Amino acid sequence: MITPVHRSNNNINFDWTYFWSWSRFMDYVQCVLAFTLVAAYITYLLLDSALFVETLGFLAVFTEAMLGTPQLYCNYQNKSTEGMR
C-alpha cells in the first residue's frame, strides 16, 4: 500500500532524502524503468567483457545469499528463534 506523503515529490524536484517516499506511483515506475533500461544498455555494451559478466554474476548470487541476514541478526539480538517472522 502506498502511503500519502506530506511533501509533493516527483522526478523533477528530486531530493535523496525522500527517495523511498514516492508521492505518485508513476514516479516510482519511471525510476524503475529508467534504472532497468540503463542497466540493460550497460550490460549490452559490456557483454563481451568476461570481468563484467563474472562481476555481475557474483553480485547477483551475493545479493540473493544475503537475503536472510536481517532475520539472522534479529534472531541473534533476541537470542532465540521463537516468533520468527
Protein backbone atom coordinates (compact mmCIF):
# COMPACT_ATOMS: atom_id res chain seq x y z
CA MET A 1 0.00 0.00 0.00
CA ILE A 2 1.33 3.41 -0.91
CA THR A 3 1.08 5.85 1.97
CA PRO A 4 0.48 9.55 1.38
CA VAL A 5 3.45 11.84 1.70
CA HIS A 6 3.20 15.35 3.11
CA ARG A 7 5.58 16.81 0.55
CA SER A 8 4.92 16.59 -3.16
CA ASN A 9 7.85 14.81 -4.78
CA ASN A 10 8.41 13.95 -8.38
CA ASN A 11 11.35 13.28 -10.61
CA ILE A 12 11.75 16.99 -11.40
CA ASN A 13 12.39 18.22 -7.83
CA PHE A 14 14.45 15.17 -6.84
CA ASP A 15 15.81 15.02 -3.28
CA TRP A 16 17.74 11.98 -1.96
CA THR A 17 16.13 12.40 1.47
CA TYR A 18 12.75 11.42 0.04
CA PHE A 19 13.94 8.72 -2.37
CA TRP A 20 11.68 5.97 -0.98
CA SER A 21 8.76 8.32 -0.23
CA TRP A 22 7.13 8.31 -3.62
CA SER A 23 4.14 10.66 -3.78
CA ARG A 24 2.96 9.21 -7.09
CA PHE A 25 3.15 5.62 -8.27
CA MET A 26 4.10 6.71 -11.80
CA ASP A 27 7.27 8.41 -10.49
CA TYR A 28 8.28 5.08 -8.95
CA VAL A 29 7.54 3.23 -12.20
CA GLN A 30 9.58 5.79 -14.19
CA CYS A 31 12.55 5.38 -11.84
CA VAL A 32 12.45 1.58 -12.03
CA LEU A 33 12.07 1.71 -15.82
CA ALA A 34 14.97 4.16 -16.20
CA PHE A 35 17.20 2.02 -13.96
CA THR A 36 16.29 -1.12 -15.90
CA LEU A 37 16.99 0.50 -19.28
CA VAL A 38 20.34 1.95 -18.17
CA ALA A 39 21.40 -1.37 -16.61
CA ALA A 40 20.33 -3.28 -19.74
CA TYR A 41 22.23 -0.88 -22.01
CA ILE A 42 25.40 -1.12 -19.90
CA THR A 43 25.09 -4.92 -19.86
CA TYR A 44 24.63 -4.96 -23.64
CA LEU A 45 27.75 -2.81 -24.13
CA LEU A 46 29.91 -4.88 -21.78
CA LEU A 47 28.56 -8.33 -22.64
CA ASP A 48 31.87 -9.36 -24.25
CA SER A 49 33.84 -8.48 -21.10
CA ALA A 50 34.42 -11.60 -19.01
CA LEU A 51 35.25 -9.47 -15.97
CA PHE A 52 31.92 -7.62 -16.19
CA VAL A 53 29.90 -10.81 -16.67
CA GLU A 54 31.66 -12.54 -13.75
CA THR A 55 31.20 -9.49 -11.52
CA LEU A 56 27.53 -9.20 -12.43
CA GLY A 57 27.00 -12.89 -11.68
CA PHE A 58 28.82 -12.61 -8.35
CA LEU A 59 26.75 -9.58 -7.32
CA ALA A 60 23.53 -11.40 -8.20
CA VAL A 61 24.45 -14.51 -6.20
CA PHE A 62 25.82 -12.45 -3.29
CA THR A 63 22.65 -10.36 -3.11
CA GLU A 64 20.49 -13.46 -3.02
CA ALA A 65 22.71 -15.09 -0.40
CA MET A 66 22.42 -12.03 1.87
CA LEU A 67 18.59 -12.00 1.91
CA GLY A 68 18.48 -13.95 5.18
CA THR A 69 20.89 -11.64 7.01
CA PRO A 70 18.25 -9.37 8.62
CA GLN A 71 16.44 -12.40 10.08
CA LEU A 72 19.72 -13.84 11.30
CA TYR A 73 20.59 -10.55 13.01
CA CYS A 74 17.12 -10.30 14.58
CA ASN A 75 17.43 -13.85 15.93
CA TYR A 76 20.90 -13.04 17.29
CA GLN A 77 19.59 -9.97 19.12
CA ASN A 78 16.66 -11.93 20.58
CA LYS A 79 18.93 -14.91 21.39
CA SER A 80 16.07 -17.08 20.14
CA THR A 81 14.30 -18.22 17.02
CA GLU A 82 10.88 -18.14 18.70
CA GLY A 83 8.43 -15.93 16.86
CA MET A 84 10.40 -15.92 13.62
CA ARG A 85 8.93 -13.61 11.04
